[in-house]
N, C-alpha and C. Protein backbone atom coordinates (compact mmCIF):
# COMPACT_ATOMS: atom_id res chain seq x y z
N MET A 1 104.05 97.80 114.63
CA MET A 1 105.01 97.34 115.16
C MET A 1 106.52 97.91 114.72
N VAL A 2 107.18 98.88 115.40
CA VAL A 2 108.06 99.59 115.21
C VAL A 2 109.56 98.85 115.42
N ILE A 3 110.17 98.81 114.36
CA ILE A 3 111.87 98.03 114.47
C ILE A 3 113.18 98.73 114.54
N ILE A 4 113.66 98.96 115.64
CA ILE A 4 114.86 99.85 115.87
C ILE A 4 116.22 99.04 115.69
N SER A 5 116.93 99.66 114.92
CA SER A 5 118.52 98.64 114.77
C SER A 5 119.47 98.91 115.63
N ALA A 6 119.93 100.45 115.47
CA ALA A 6 121.23 100.69 116.03
C ALA A 6 121.11 101.03 117.66
N ASP A 7 122.22 100.71 118.11
CA ASP A 7 122.39 100.55 119.76
C ASP A 7 121.82 102.43 120.28
N VAL A 8 122.36 103.30 119.35
CA VAL A 8 122.34 104.52 119.75
C VAL A 8 121.17 104.80 119.16
N GLU A 9 120.25 104.35 118.33
CA GLU A 9 118.94 104.78 118.23
C GLU A 9 118.41 104.45 118.93
N TRP A 10 118.36 103.17 119.57
CA TRP A 10 117.27 102.29 120.85
C TRP A 10 117.46 103.42 121.73
N ARG A 11 119.12 103.87 122.59
CA ARG A 11 119.07 104.62 123.48
C ARG A 11 118.02 105.73 123.31
N THR A 12 118.20 106.48 122.36
CA THR A 12 117.80 107.86 121.86
C THR A 12 116.30 107.76 121.74
N LEU A 13 115.45 106.83 121.10
CA LEU A 13 114.17 106.33 121.41
C LEU A 13 113.72 106.08 122.80
N LYS A 14 114.33 105.41 123.72
CA LYS A 14 114.01 105.23 125.35
C LYS A 14 113.84 106.63 126.00
N THR A 15 114.86 107.43 125.76
CA THR A 15 114.63 108.82 126.28
C THR A 15 113.06 109.72 125.83
N LEU A 16 112.81 109.49 124.80
CA LEU A 16 111.68 109.96 124.33
C LEU A 16 109.99 109.08 124.59
N PHE A 17 110.43 108.11 125.54
CA PHE A 17 109.53 107.74 126.24
C PHE A 17 109.83 106.96 127.63
N PRO A 18 109.88 108.38 128.56
CA PRO A 18 110.54 107.79 129.96
C PRO A 18 109.55 106.88 130.91
N ASP A 19 108.70 106.91 130.75
CA ASP A 19 107.41 106.27 131.11
C ASP A 19 107.47 104.72 130.98
N ALA A 20 108.12 104.32 129.63
CA ALA A 20 107.61 103.30 129.11
C ALA A 20 108.63 102.04 129.87
N LEU A 21 107.51 100.96 130.23
CA LEU A 21 107.77 99.75 130.74
C LEU A 21 108.92 98.98 129.68
N VAL A 22 109.67 98.83 129.88
CA VAL A 22 111.20 98.55 128.98
C VAL A 22 111.58 96.74 129.60
N GLU A 23 110.96 95.77 128.23
CA GLU A 23 111.33 94.48 129.02
C GLU A 23 112.23 94.04 127.84
N ASP A 24 112.18 92.56 128.21
CA ASP A 24 113.35 91.81 127.55
C ASP A 24 112.89 90.89 126.34
N SER A 25 113.65 90.66 125.46
CA SER A 25 113.12 89.42 124.53
C SER A 25 113.90 88.82 124.25
N LEU A 26 114.19 87.74 123.28
CA LEU A 26 115.22 86.70 122.97
C LEU A 26 116.41 87.77 122.24
N PHE A 27 115.92 88.78 121.27
CA PHE A 27 116.67 89.48 120.48
C PHE A 27 116.94 90.79 120.78
N GLY A 28 116.16 91.06 121.79
CA GLY A 28 116.45 92.87 122.18
C GLY A 28 115.31 93.56 123.25
N GLU A 29 115.48 94.57 123.34
CA GLU A 29 114.45 95.46 124.93
C GLU A 29 113.23 95.61 123.76
N TRP A 30 112.29 95.58 124.36
CA TRP A 30 110.65 96.38 123.62
C TRP A 30 110.13 96.65 124.73
N PHE A 31 108.98 97.75 124.24
CA PHE A 31 108.28 98.29 125.11
C PHE A 31 106.90 98.98 124.24
N GLU A 32 106.09 98.90 124.87
CA GLU A 32 104.62 99.55 124.22
C GLU A 32 104.18 100.94 124.80
N ALA A 33 103.89 101.60 123.79
CA ALA A 33 103.47 103.24 124.55
C ALA A 33 102.42 103.99 123.02
N LYS A 34 101.96 104.37 123.88
CA LYS A 34 100.95 105.41 123.35
C LYS A 34 101.84 106.76 122.49
N LEU A 35 100.98 106.94 121.21
CA LEU A 35 101.75 108.18 120.77
C LEU A 35 101.06 109.03 120.69
N ASN A 36 100.82 110.29 120.23
CA ASN A 36 100.39 111.79 120.02
C ASN A 36 99.48 111.65 118.99
N ASP A 37 98.51 111.56 119.17
CA ASP A 37 97.34 111.56 118.36
C ASP A 37 96.40 109.96 117.82
N ILE A 38 97.17 109.02 118.30
CA ILE A 38 97.00 107.92 118.09
C ILE A 38 96.46 107.22 119.40
N ASN A 39 95.39 107.76 120.26
CA ASN A 39 94.97 107.63 121.94
C ASN A 39 94.51 106.44 121.99
N TYR A 40 94.05 105.57 120.81
CA TYR A 40 93.07 104.36 120.79
C TYR A 40 94.34 103.28 120.58
N ARG A 41 95.41 103.43 120.19
CA ARG A 41 96.22 102.42 120.14
C ARG A 41 97.77 102.51 120.38
N LYS A 42 98.00 101.85 121.03
CA LYS A 42 99.31 101.51 121.56
C LYS A 42 100.10 100.85 120.14
N ILE A 43 101.53 101.60 120.63
CA ILE A 43 102.63 100.74 119.45
C ILE A 43 103.71 100.05 119.86
N LEU A 44 104.13 98.93 119.75
CA LEU A 44 104.65 98.20 119.77
C LEU A 44 106.52 98.61 119.42
N PHE A 45 106.97 98.98 120.36
CA PHE A 45 108.79 99.21 119.34
C PHE A 45 109.93 98.43 120.03
N TYR A 46 110.08 97.86 119.60
CA TYR A 46 111.41 96.60 119.41
C TYR A 46 112.85 96.75 119.07
N HIS A 47 113.71 96.64 120.00
CA HIS A 47 115.17 96.74 119.53
C HIS A 47 115.78 95.37 118.56
N GLY A 48 115.80 95.32 117.03
CA GLY A 48 116.37 94.55 116.47
C GLY A 48 117.72 94.47 116.40
N GLY A 49 118.40 95.36 116.87
CA GLY A 49 119.55 94.95 116.49
C GLY A 49 120.53 95.11 115.78
N TRP A 50 122.30 95.97 115.64
CA TRP A 50 122.42 95.99 114.51
C TRP A 50 123.22 95.36 113.68
N GLY A 51 123.25 95.73 112.38
CA GLY A 51 123.54 94.23 111.61
C GLY A 51 122.80 93.46 110.89
N LYS A 52 122.75 93.01 109.62
CA LYS A 52 122.26 92.12 108.51
C LYS A 52 121.79 90.95 109.81
N ILE A 53 122.26 90.26 110.71
CA ILE A 53 122.35 89.03 111.19
C ILE A 53 121.04 88.95 111.99
N SER A 54 121.57 90.28 113.38
CA SER A 54 120.55 90.57 113.81
C SER A 54 119.53 91.30 113.44
N ALA A 55 119.16 92.01 112.45
CA ALA A 55 118.36 92.54 111.81
C ALA A 55 116.57 91.22 111.29
N ALA A 56 117.65 90.35 110.19
CA ALA A 56 116.93 89.45 109.77
C ALA A 56 116.71 88.15 110.88
N ALA A 57 117.15 88.33 112.14
CA ALA A 57 116.49 87.16 112.62
C ALA A 57 115.54 87.97 113.73
N ALA A 58 115.64 89.24 114.08
CA ALA A 58 114.59 90.45 114.87
C ALA A 58 113.19 90.13 114.05
N THR A 59 113.46 90.58 112.86
CA THR A 59 112.38 90.57 112.04
C THR A 59 111.53 89.29 112.03
N GLN A 60 112.20 88.17 111.37
CA GLN A 60 111.37 86.98 111.52
C GLN A 60 110.77 86.53 112.95
N TYR A 61 111.87 86.74 114.23
CA TYR A 61 111.13 86.41 115.45
C TYR A 61 109.68 87.72 115.30
N ILE A 62 109.70 88.62 115.27
CA ILE A 62 108.64 89.51 115.84
C ILE A 62 107.28 89.43 114.77
N ILE A 63 107.57 88.90 113.40
CA ILE A 63 106.48 87.74 112.60
C ILE A 63 105.90 87.14 113.29
N ASP A 64 106.98 85.71 113.73
CA ASP A 64 106.56 84.75 113.86
C ASP A 64 105.31 84.91 115.67
N HIS A 65 106.01 85.73 116.33
CA HIS A 65 105.51 85.75 117.58
C HIS A 65 104.63 87.12 117.67
N CYS A 66 104.52 88.05 116.95
CA CYS A 66 103.48 89.02 117.37
C CYS A 66 102.73 89.24 115.55
N HIS A 67 102.88 88.53 114.48
CA HIS A 67 102.24 88.76 113.74
C HIS A 67 101.52 90.39 113.37
N PRO A 68 102.57 91.00 112.78
CA PRO A 68 102.02 92.26 112.85
C PRO A 68 101.65 92.78 111.39
N ALA A 69 100.62 93.39 111.25
CA ALA A 69 99.97 93.65 110.05
C ALA A 69 101.25 94.63 108.91
N LEU A 70 101.67 95.39 109.87
CA LEU A 70 102.43 95.94 109.63
C LEU A 70 103.64 96.60 110.29
N ILE A 71 105.03 96.55 109.37
CA ILE A 71 106.12 96.55 109.91
C ILE A 71 106.85 97.88 109.68
N ILE A 72 107.10 98.87 110.19
CA ILE A 72 108.03 99.99 110.50
C ILE A 72 109.24 100.22 110.87
N ASN A 73 109.90 100.41 110.15
CA ASN A 73 111.78 100.76 110.64
C ASN A 73 112.08 101.88 110.48
N LEU A 74 112.33 102.31 111.63
CA LEU A 74 113.01 104.12 111.55
C LEU A 74 114.04 103.86 112.31
N GLY A 75 115.38 104.58 111.68
CA GLY A 75 116.32 104.96 111.98
C GLY A 75 117.52 105.73 111.49
N THR A 76 118.76 105.57 110.86
CA THR A 76 119.71 106.38 110.53
C THR A 76 119.99 105.77 109.15
N CYS A 77 120.72 106.55 108.45
CA CYS A 77 121.85 106.46 107.22
C CYS A 77 122.93 107.05 107.10
N GLY A 78 123.67 106.68 106.41
CA GLY A 78 124.55 107.52 106.08
C GLY A 78 124.18 108.27 104.60
N GLY A 79 124.92 109.51 104.31
CA GLY A 79 124.22 109.92 102.69
C GLY A 79 125.51 110.05 102.00
N PHE A 80 125.39 110.31 100.54
CA PHE A 80 126.35 110.61 99.38
C PHE A 80 126.68 111.91 99.88
N GLU A 81 127.83 112.03 100.00
CA GLU A 81 127.74 113.84 99.94
C GLU A 81 127.47 114.36 98.05
N GLY A 82 126.84 115.38 98.24
CA GLY A 82 126.58 116.17 97.00
C GLY A 82 125.10 115.05 95.84
N GLU A 83 124.78 114.17 96.67
CA GLU A 83 123.50 113.41 96.21
C GLU A 83 122.48 113.76 97.15
N VAL A 84 122.70 114.12 98.51
CA VAL A 84 121.84 113.98 99.27
C VAL A 84 121.84 115.04 100.36
N GLU A 85 120.87 115.62 101.22
CA GLU A 85 121.53 116.81 102.42
C GLU A 85 121.47 115.96 103.44
N ARG A 86 122.22 116.41 104.73
CA ARG A 86 121.79 116.06 105.84
C ARG A 86 120.73 116.46 106.23
N GLY A 87 120.00 115.58 107.01
CA GLY A 87 118.56 115.65 107.56
C GLY A 87 117.89 115.16 106.72
N THR A 88 117.56 114.89 105.66
CA THR A 88 116.67 114.34 104.71
C THR A 88 116.37 113.15 105.45
N ILE A 89 115.23 112.63 105.12
CA ILE A 89 114.27 111.76 105.39
C ILE A 89 113.77 111.03 104.22
N ILE A 90 114.53 109.36 104.07
CA ILE A 90 114.40 108.79 103.21
C ILE A 90 113.11 107.58 103.37
N LEU A 91 112.35 107.76 102.31
CA LEU A 91 111.53 107.01 102.45
C LEU A 91 111.60 105.57 101.24
N VAL A 92 112.44 104.76 101.86
CA VAL A 92 112.79 103.69 100.93
C VAL A 92 111.84 102.96 100.36
N ASN A 93 112.19 102.55 98.65
CA ASN A 93 111.15 101.84 98.22
C ASN A 93 111.97 100.58 97.32
N LYS A 94 113.22 100.45 98.05
CA LYS A 94 114.43 99.42 97.37
C LYS A 94 115.12 98.83 98.36
N THR A 95 115.78 97.91 98.59
CA THR A 95 117.42 97.39 99.28
C THR A 95 118.36 97.13 98.53
N ILE A 96 118.98 97.44 98.34
CA ILE A 96 119.96 96.43 97.53
C ILE A 96 121.39 96.19 98.67
N VAL A 97 121.50 94.80 98.82
CA VAL A 97 122.91 94.33 99.81
C VAL A 97 123.88 94.59 98.79
N TYR A 98 124.69 95.17 99.02
CA TYR A 98 125.63 95.63 98.55
C TYR A 98 127.18 94.80 98.29
N ASP A 99 127.06 94.40 99.72
CA ASP A 99 128.53 93.81 100.19
C ASP A 99 128.48 91.95 100.16
N ILE A 100 128.29 91.94 99.13
CA ILE A 100 128.73 90.74 98.65
C ILE A 100 129.62 90.56 97.49
N ILE A 101 130.51 89.18 98.31
CA ILE A 101 131.63 89.27 97.12
C ILE A 101 131.80 88.04 96.37
N GLU A 102 131.77 87.84 95.32
CA GLU A 102 131.22 86.69 94.55
C GLU A 102 132.18 86.67 93.25
N GLN A 103 133.33 85.12 93.68
CA GLN A 103 134.12 85.56 92.27
C GLN A 103 134.05 83.84 91.82
N MET A 104 133.11 83.19 91.82
CA MET A 104 132.91 82.02 91.30
C MET A 104 131.75 81.93 90.59
N GLY A 105 130.74 82.45 90.54
CA GLY A 105 129.30 82.89 89.92
C GLY A 105 129.45 83.84 89.41
N ASP A 106 128.11 84.13 89.27
CA ASP A 106 127.11 85.54 88.55
C ASP A 106 127.45 86.49 89.67
N PHE A 107 127.83 87.63 89.82
CA PHE A 107 127.51 88.50 90.80
C PHE A 107 126.52 89.38 90.68
N ASP A 108 126.02 89.54 89.64
CA ASP A 108 124.50 90.51 89.24
C ASP A 108 123.61 89.47 89.78
N ALA A 109 123.37 87.99 89.35
CA ALA A 109 122.55 87.17 90.05
C ALA A 109 122.72 87.37 91.67
N HIS A 110 123.58 87.07 92.13
CA HIS A 110 123.66 87.02 93.82
C HIS A 110 123.16 88.51 94.24
N ILE A 111 123.68 89.38 93.45
CA ILE A 111 122.85 90.58 93.93
C ILE A 111 121.59 90.86 93.91
N ALA A 112 120.94 90.22 93.05
CA ALA A 112 119.62 90.14 92.61
C ALA A 112 118.76 89.90 93.67
N HIS A 113 119.63 88.61 93.97
CA HIS A 113 119.09 87.25 95.25
C HIS A 113 118.31 88.40 96.78
N TYR A 114 119.32 89.01 96.81
CA TYR A 114 119.21 89.91 98.15
C TYR A 114 118.28 91.35 97.85
N THR A 115 118.18 91.77 96.48
CA THR A 115 117.22 92.98 96.38
C THR A 115 116.06 93.01 96.45
N THR A 116 115.47 93.98 97.28
CA THR A 116 114.02 93.50 97.41
C THR A 116 113.35 95.18 97.02
N GLU A 117 112.26 95.01 96.45
CA GLU A 117 111.63 96.03 95.83
C GLU A 117 110.23 96.33 96.76
N ILE A 118 110.16 97.48 97.52
CA ILE A 118 109.33 97.62 98.56
C ILE A 118 108.35 97.79 98.11
N ASP A 119 106.99 97.57 98.09
CA ASP A 119 105.58 97.48 97.40
C ASP A 119 104.95 98.92 98.48
N LEU A 120 104.95 99.84 98.08
CA LEU A 120 104.32 101.01 99.14
C LEU A 120 102.96 101.57 98.46
N SER A 121 102.65 100.42 97.49
CA SER A 121 101.26 100.72 96.78
C SER A 121 99.63 100.95 97.77
N TRP A 122 100.07 100.62 99.04
CA TRP A 122 98.90 100.43 99.91
C TRP A 122 98.91 101.85 100.67
N LEU A 123 100.19 102.93 100.57
CA LEU A 123 100.00 103.74 101.16
C LEU A 123 99.44 105.11 100.53
N GLU A 124 98.59 105.93 101.17
CA GLU A 124 98.11 107.12 100.80
C GLU A 124 99.28 107.77 99.62
N SER A 125 98.46 108.51 98.64
CA SER A 125 99.23 109.10 97.89
C SER A 125 100.08 110.80 98.22
N ASP A 126 99.41 110.97 99.03
CA ASP A 126 99.89 112.59 99.66
C ASP A 126 100.38 111.76 101.20
N PHE A 127 102.15 112.04 100.77
CA PHE A 127 102.64 111.75 101.96
C PHE A 127 102.27 113.09 103.22
N PRO A 128 102.58 112.97 104.46
CA PRO A 128 101.97 113.68 105.67
C PRO A 128 103.29 114.45 105.87
N HIS A 129 104.71 113.86 105.17
CA HIS A 129 106.14 114.73 105.48
C HIS A 129 106.51 115.01 104.54
N LYS A 130 107.61 115.21 104.51
CA LYS A 130 108.95 115.54 103.08
C LYS A 130 109.90 114.74 103.36
N VAL A 131 109.43 113.66 101.92
CA VAL A 131 110.33 112.74 101.99
C VAL A 131 111.30 112.59 100.86
N LEU A 132 112.31 111.67 100.74
CA LEU A 132 112.96 111.61 99.52
C LEU A 132 112.50 110.03 99.37
N MET A 133 112.28 109.71 98.67
CA MET A 133 111.55 108.32 98.12
C MET A 133 112.62 107.53 96.99
N THR A 134 113.46 106.61 97.63
CA THR A 134 114.53 106.40 96.82
C THR A 134 115.00 105.19 97.55
N LEU A 135 115.95 104.22 96.43
CA LEU A 135 116.54 102.92 96.92
C LEU A 135 117.86 103.26 97.92
N LEU A 136 117.68 102.18 99.04
CA LEU A 136 118.57 101.99 100.06
C LEU A 136 119.94 100.80 99.74
N VAL A 137 120.71 101.34 99.82
CA VAL A 137 122.22 100.27 99.60
C VAL A 137 122.21 99.85 101.20
N SER A 138 122.56 98.59 101.24
CA SER A 138 122.89 98.13 102.95
C SER A 138 124.22 97.04 102.75
N GLY A 139 124.97 97.09 103.92
CA GLY A 139 126.05 96.21 103.81
C GLY A 139 126.66 96.20 105.54
N ASP A 140 126.79 95.40 106.02
CA ASP A 140 127.81 94.88 107.37
C ASP A 140 129.08 95.99 107.44
N ARG A 141 129.09 97.29 107.17
CA ARG A 141 129.71 98.18 107.52
C ARG A 141 129.17 99.73 106.71
N ASP A 142 130.50 100.52 107.39
CA ASP A 142 129.92 101.95 107.27
C ASP A 142 130.59 101.83 105.84
N LEU A 143 129.92 103.19 105.27
CA LEU A 143 130.12 103.20 103.71
C LEU A 143 131.79 103.38 103.31
N LEU A 144 132.37 102.79 102.68
CA LEU A 144 133.71 103.16 102.51
C LEU A 144 133.88 104.21 101.33
N ILE A 145 134.81 105.21 101.71
CA ILE A 145 135.08 106.53 100.70
C ILE A 145 134.91 105.82 99.03
N GLN A 146 136.18 104.76 98.73
CA GLN A 146 136.41 104.33 97.50
C GLN A 146 135.05 103.41 96.97
N ASP A 147 134.21 103.32 97.76
CA ASP A 147 132.86 102.89 97.05
C ASP A 147 131.74 103.35 96.75
N ILE A 148 131.89 104.75 97.12
CA ILE A 148 130.88 105.28 96.62
C ILE A 148 130.57 105.96 95.46
N PRO A 149 131.74 106.14 94.28
CA PRO A 149 131.48 106.16 92.62
C PRO A 149 130.85 104.88 92.28
N GLU A 150 131.26 103.52 92.86
CA GLU A 150 130.66 102.79 92.06
C GLU A 150 128.85 102.29 92.56
N LEU A 151 128.73 102.55 93.79
CA LEU A 151 127.40 102.26 94.06
C LEU A 151 126.29 103.46 93.54
N GLN A 152 127.11 104.57 93.27
CA GLN A 152 126.19 105.56 92.50
C GLN A 152 126.07 104.96 91.04
N SER A 153 127.23 104.85 90.19
CA SER A 153 126.82 104.54 89.11
C SER A 153 126.13 103.26 89.04
N ARG A 154 126.61 102.23 89.33
CA ARG A 154 126.06 100.89 89.57
C ARG A 154 124.30 100.80 89.55
N TYR A 155 123.83 101.55 91.01
CA TYR A 155 122.83 101.27 91.79
C TYR A 155 121.73 102.73 91.56
N GLY A 156 122.62 103.42 91.46
CA GLY A 156 122.14 105.13 91.14
C GLY A 156 121.25 105.34 92.89
N ALA A 157 122.78 105.02 93.70
CA ALA A 157 122.21 104.96 95.31
C ALA A 157 122.42 106.47 95.72
N LYS A 158 122.08 106.87 96.78
CA LYS A 158 122.61 108.45 97.27
C LYS A 158 122.33 107.88 98.90
N ALA A 159 122.34 106.80 99.24
CA ALA A 159 122.43 106.64 100.88
C ALA A 159 122.62 105.31 101.38
N GLY A 160 123.16 104.93 102.21
CA GLY A 160 123.09 103.65 102.93
C GLY A 160 123.29 103.13 104.26
N ASP A 161 122.70 102.30 104.57
CA ASP A 161 123.09 101.80 105.75
C ASP A 161 122.93 100.49 106.07
N TRP A 162 122.99 99.76 107.43
CA TRP A 162 123.51 98.43 107.62
C TRP A 162 122.34 97.25 107.46
N GLU A 163 121.36 97.55 108.03
CA GLU A 163 120.19 96.81 108.15
C GLU A 163 118.79 96.50 107.46
N SER A 164 118.26 98.03 106.15
CA SER A 164 117.43 97.43 105.75
C SER A 164 116.96 96.63 104.79
N GLY A 165 118.00 96.51 103.97
CA GLY A 165 118.63 94.99 103.14
C GLY A 165 118.08 93.95 103.89
N ALA A 166 118.02 93.28 104.89
CA ALA A 166 117.78 92.52 106.25
C ALA A 166 116.33 92.29 105.96
N ILE A 167 116.03 93.80 106.46
CA ILE A 167 114.58 93.38 107.13
C ILE A 167 113.62 93.67 106.02
N ALA A 168 114.16 94.13 104.73
CA ALA A 168 112.74 94.32 103.46
C ALA A 168 112.81 92.86 103.25
N PHE A 169 114.07 92.24 103.05
CA PHE A 169 114.20 90.41 102.40
C PHE A 169 113.16 89.59 103.30
N VAL A 170 113.15 90.06 104.41
CA VAL A 170 112.29 89.04 105.61
C VAL A 170 111.28 89.11 105.36
N SER A 171 110.98 90.39 105.74
CA SER A 171 109.44 91.12 105.68
C SER A 171 108.73 90.78 104.33
N ALA A 172 108.99 90.98 103.07
CA ALA A 172 108.92 90.63 101.42
C ALA A 172 108.28 88.84 101.69
N ARG A 173 109.55 88.29 102.00
CA ARG A 173 109.30 86.43 102.11
C ARG A 173 108.45 86.57 102.76
N ASN A 174 107.55 87.21 103.81
CA ASN A 174 106.49 86.79 104.93
C ASN A 174 105.46 87.44 104.24
N ARG A 175 105.35 88.31 103.50
CA ARG A 175 104.67 88.96 102.68
C ARG A 175 103.92 89.96 103.67
N VAL A 176 104.60 90.54 104.33
CA VAL A 176 104.22 91.36 105.54
C VAL A 176 104.30 92.73 104.64
N LYS A 177 103.50 93.47 104.76
CA LYS A 177 103.86 95.52 104.80
C LYS A 177 104.95 96.09 105.49
N LEU A 178 106.17 96.71 104.72
CA LEU A 178 106.92 97.70 105.81
C LEU A 178 107.16 98.78 105.23
N LEU A 179 107.58 99.58 106.34
CA LEU A 179 107.49 100.96 105.97
C LEU A 179 109.26 101.11 106.61
N ILE A 180 109.91 101.65 105.66
CA ILE A 180 111.07 102.03 106.02
C ILE A 180 111.81 103.60 105.99
N LEU A 181 111.64 104.20 106.98
CA LEU A 181 112.01 105.56 106.92
C LEU A 181 113.47 106.13 107.65
N ARG A 182 114.48 106.23 107.04
CA ARG A 182 115.40 106.70 107.63
C ARG A 182 116.02 108.14 107.49
N GLY A 183 116.72 108.66 107.98
CA GLY A 183 116.98 109.93 107.91
C GLY A 183 118.72 110.14 108.05
N VAL A 184 119.22 110.63 107.21
CA VAL A 184 120.63 111.05 107.01
C VAL A 184 121.46 111.60 108.00
N THR A 185 122.06 111.15 108.88
CA THR A 185 122.53 111.92 109.88
C THR A 185 123.91 112.48 109.50
N ASP A 186 124.82 111.82 108.53
CA ASP A 186 125.93 112.15 107.87
C ASP A 186 126.46 111.85 106.89
N LEU A 187 127.32 112.74 105.91
CA LEU A 187 127.50 112.49 104.58
C LEU A 187 128.90 111.93 104.34
N VAL A 188 129.36 111.10 103.11
CA VAL A 188 130.31 110.29 103.21
C VAL A 188 130.81 110.94 101.76
N GLY A 189 131.50 111.12 101.59
CA GLY A 189 132.25 111.60 99.55
C GLY A 189 133.65 111.61 99.58
N SER A 190 134.33 112.52 98.84
CA SER A 190 135.58 112.49 98.56
C SER A 190 136.59 112.85 99.65
N SER A 191 136.15 113.68 100.75
CA SER A 191 136.80 114.02 101.67
C SER A 191 136.60 113.36 102.72
N GLY A 192 135.67 112.66 102.81
CA GLY A 192 135.86 111.46 104.08
C GLY A 192 134.46 111.51 104.39
N GLY A 193 134.27 111.08 105.75
CA GLY A 193 132.93 110.77 106.24
C GLY A 193 132.86 112.01 107.47
N GLU A 194 132.00 112.22 107.86
CA GLU A 194 132.08 113.51 108.52
C GLU A 194 131.89 112.93 110.12
N ALA A 195 131.34 111.40 110.16
CA ALA A 195 131.26 111.03 111.40
C ALA A 195 132.25 110.05 111.77
N TYR A 196 132.93 109.78 110.73
CA TYR A 196 133.93 108.78 110.90
C TYR A 196 135.09 109.18 112.02
N GLY A 197 135.67 108.50 112.86
CA GLY A 197 136.39 109.13 113.96
C GLY A 197 135.75 110.08 114.95
N ASP A 198 134.65 110.46 114.69
CA ASP A 198 133.67 111.78 115.93
C ASP A 198 132.35 110.93 116.14
N ILE A 199 132.26 109.57 117.00
CA ILE A 199 131.14 109.07 117.38
C ILE A 199 130.03 110.15 117.85
N THR A 200 130.62 111.25 118.73
CA THR A 200 129.61 112.61 119.31
C THR A 200 128.95 112.79 118.05
N PHE A 201 129.44 113.21 117.09
CA PHE A 201 128.49 113.74 115.76
C PHE A 201 127.56 112.64 115.45
N PHE A 202 127.98 111.31 115.42
CA PHE A 202 126.51 110.79 114.85
C PHE A 202 125.49 110.73 115.98
N GLU A 203 125.98 110.95 117.31
CA GLU A 203 125.19 110.71 118.50
C GLU A 203 124.63 111.63 118.46
N ASN A 204 124.77 113.08 118.31
CA ASN A 204 123.94 113.87 118.33
C ASN A 204 122.91 114.11 117.71
N ALA A 205 123.05 114.07 115.82
CA ALA A 205 122.81 113.46 114.81
C ALA A 205 121.31 112.96 114.71
N THR A 206 121.74 111.63 115.72
CA THR A 206 120.79 110.47 115.62
C THR A 206 119.92 110.96 116.56
N ILE A 207 119.94 111.77 117.58
CA ILE A 207 118.92 112.57 118.56
C ILE A 207 117.75 113.20 117.50
N SER A 208 118.58 114.07 116.90
CA SER A 208 117.74 114.92 115.70
C SER A 208 116.49 114.22 115.37
N VAL A 209 117.16 113.04 114.37
CA VAL A 209 116.67 112.31 113.36
C VAL A 209 115.67 111.63 113.84
N MET A 210 116.01 110.85 114.80
CA MET A 210 115.04 109.85 115.77
C MET A 210 113.73 110.73 116.52
N LYS A 211 113.90 111.87 116.86
CA LYS A 211 113.17 112.73 117.76
C LYS A 211 112.05 113.14 116.43
N HIS A 212 112.59 113.34 114.96
CA HIS A 212 111.55 113.94 114.10
C HIS A 212 110.99 112.31 113.35
N LEU A 213 111.59 111.25 113.41
CA LEU A 213 111.09 110.02 113.14
C LEU A 213 109.60 109.89 113.69
N VAL A 214 110.10 109.60 114.95
CA VAL A 214 108.50 109.23 116.01
C VAL A 214 107.59 110.57 116.08
N ASP A 215 108.10 111.86 116.30
CA ASP A 215 107.04 112.91 116.12
C ASP A 215 106.11 112.95 114.91
N ALA A 216 106.80 112.44 113.50
CA ALA A 216 106.07 112.04 112.28
C ALA A 216 104.95 110.70 112.49
N LEU A 217 105.57 110.02 113.09
CA LEU A 217 104.84 108.50 113.42
C LEU A 217 103.64 108.53 113.10
N PRO A 218 102.78 108.92 114.30
CA PRO A 218 101.56 108.70 113.99
C PRO A 218 100.82 109.59 112.73
N SER A 219 101.10 110.25 111.95
CA SER A 219 100.90 110.40 110.55
C SER A 219 100.82 109.31 109.76
N TRP A 220 102.47 109.00 109.71
CA TRP A 220 102.27 107.68 108.65
C TRP A 220 101.75 106.80 108.82
N ILE A 221 101.02 106.37 110.33
CA ILE A 221 100.19 105.37 110.29
C ILE A 221 98.92 105.62 110.13
N ARG A 222 98.68 106.80 110.32
CA ARG A 222 96.81 107.03 110.01
C ARG A 222 96.94 106.75 108.38
N ILE A 223 97.85 107.38 107.71
CA ILE A 223 97.53 106.81 106.42
C ILE A 223 98.20 105.49 105.44
N SER A 224 98.47 104.78 106.48
CA SER A 224 98.42 103.33 106.02
C SER A 224 97.87 102.78 106.06
N ASN A 225 96.11 103.05 106.63
CA ASN A 225 95.47 102.32 106.30
C ASN A 225 95.35 100.84 107.05
N ILE A 226 95.92 101.03 108.24
CA ILE A 226 96.02 99.39 108.92
C ILE A 226 95.17 99.46 110.15
N PRO A 227 94.16 98.72 109.80
CA PRO A 227 92.75 98.36 110.88
C PRO A 227 93.73 98.35 112.41
């Protein structure tokens, strides 16, 4: 089972499978497709939607109705300028929902509640493609330039997205194996955001990232040891 979050990511994915029969569900479109080098198995691709609410709801819906042994989330993320290069593929081992504002109780305790350590011990040790294994911060907003220094110092973050935290939280609660691979499409730093105000920049970068992730997907599935 592969979950795709952002609308641009999903539109790009559909162009890579032009013959797929796309159907609707409660939360988004979905289709089945065969991948190169995995001729015996069809993979279900599901559009979970953007943001934490859609991501969490769709993940639970998929688990309840499809009972996947493995959930894979492919998508994009924004990188921190000076910490990571554009085009880097991040293998996520931890997610932190950082956009919580707590002014009555213990801020750190609330952050910890929605922090998820992703167990990747079931993966073979030799990864089939070059990745950066690190944590990802998630929030229902694009990265704010002024937040970057604190996200780096407090969490050691190098990149952020909108949905990984929700997908990881729900998958962990259901004890479902999860693999998150996100490609850095644009950088954010003191000079601004490369894609901010330039959606075409993000769309073009998304095409490159999604094609790379789909091409690499069979290799990741093979080393997952999922029957």
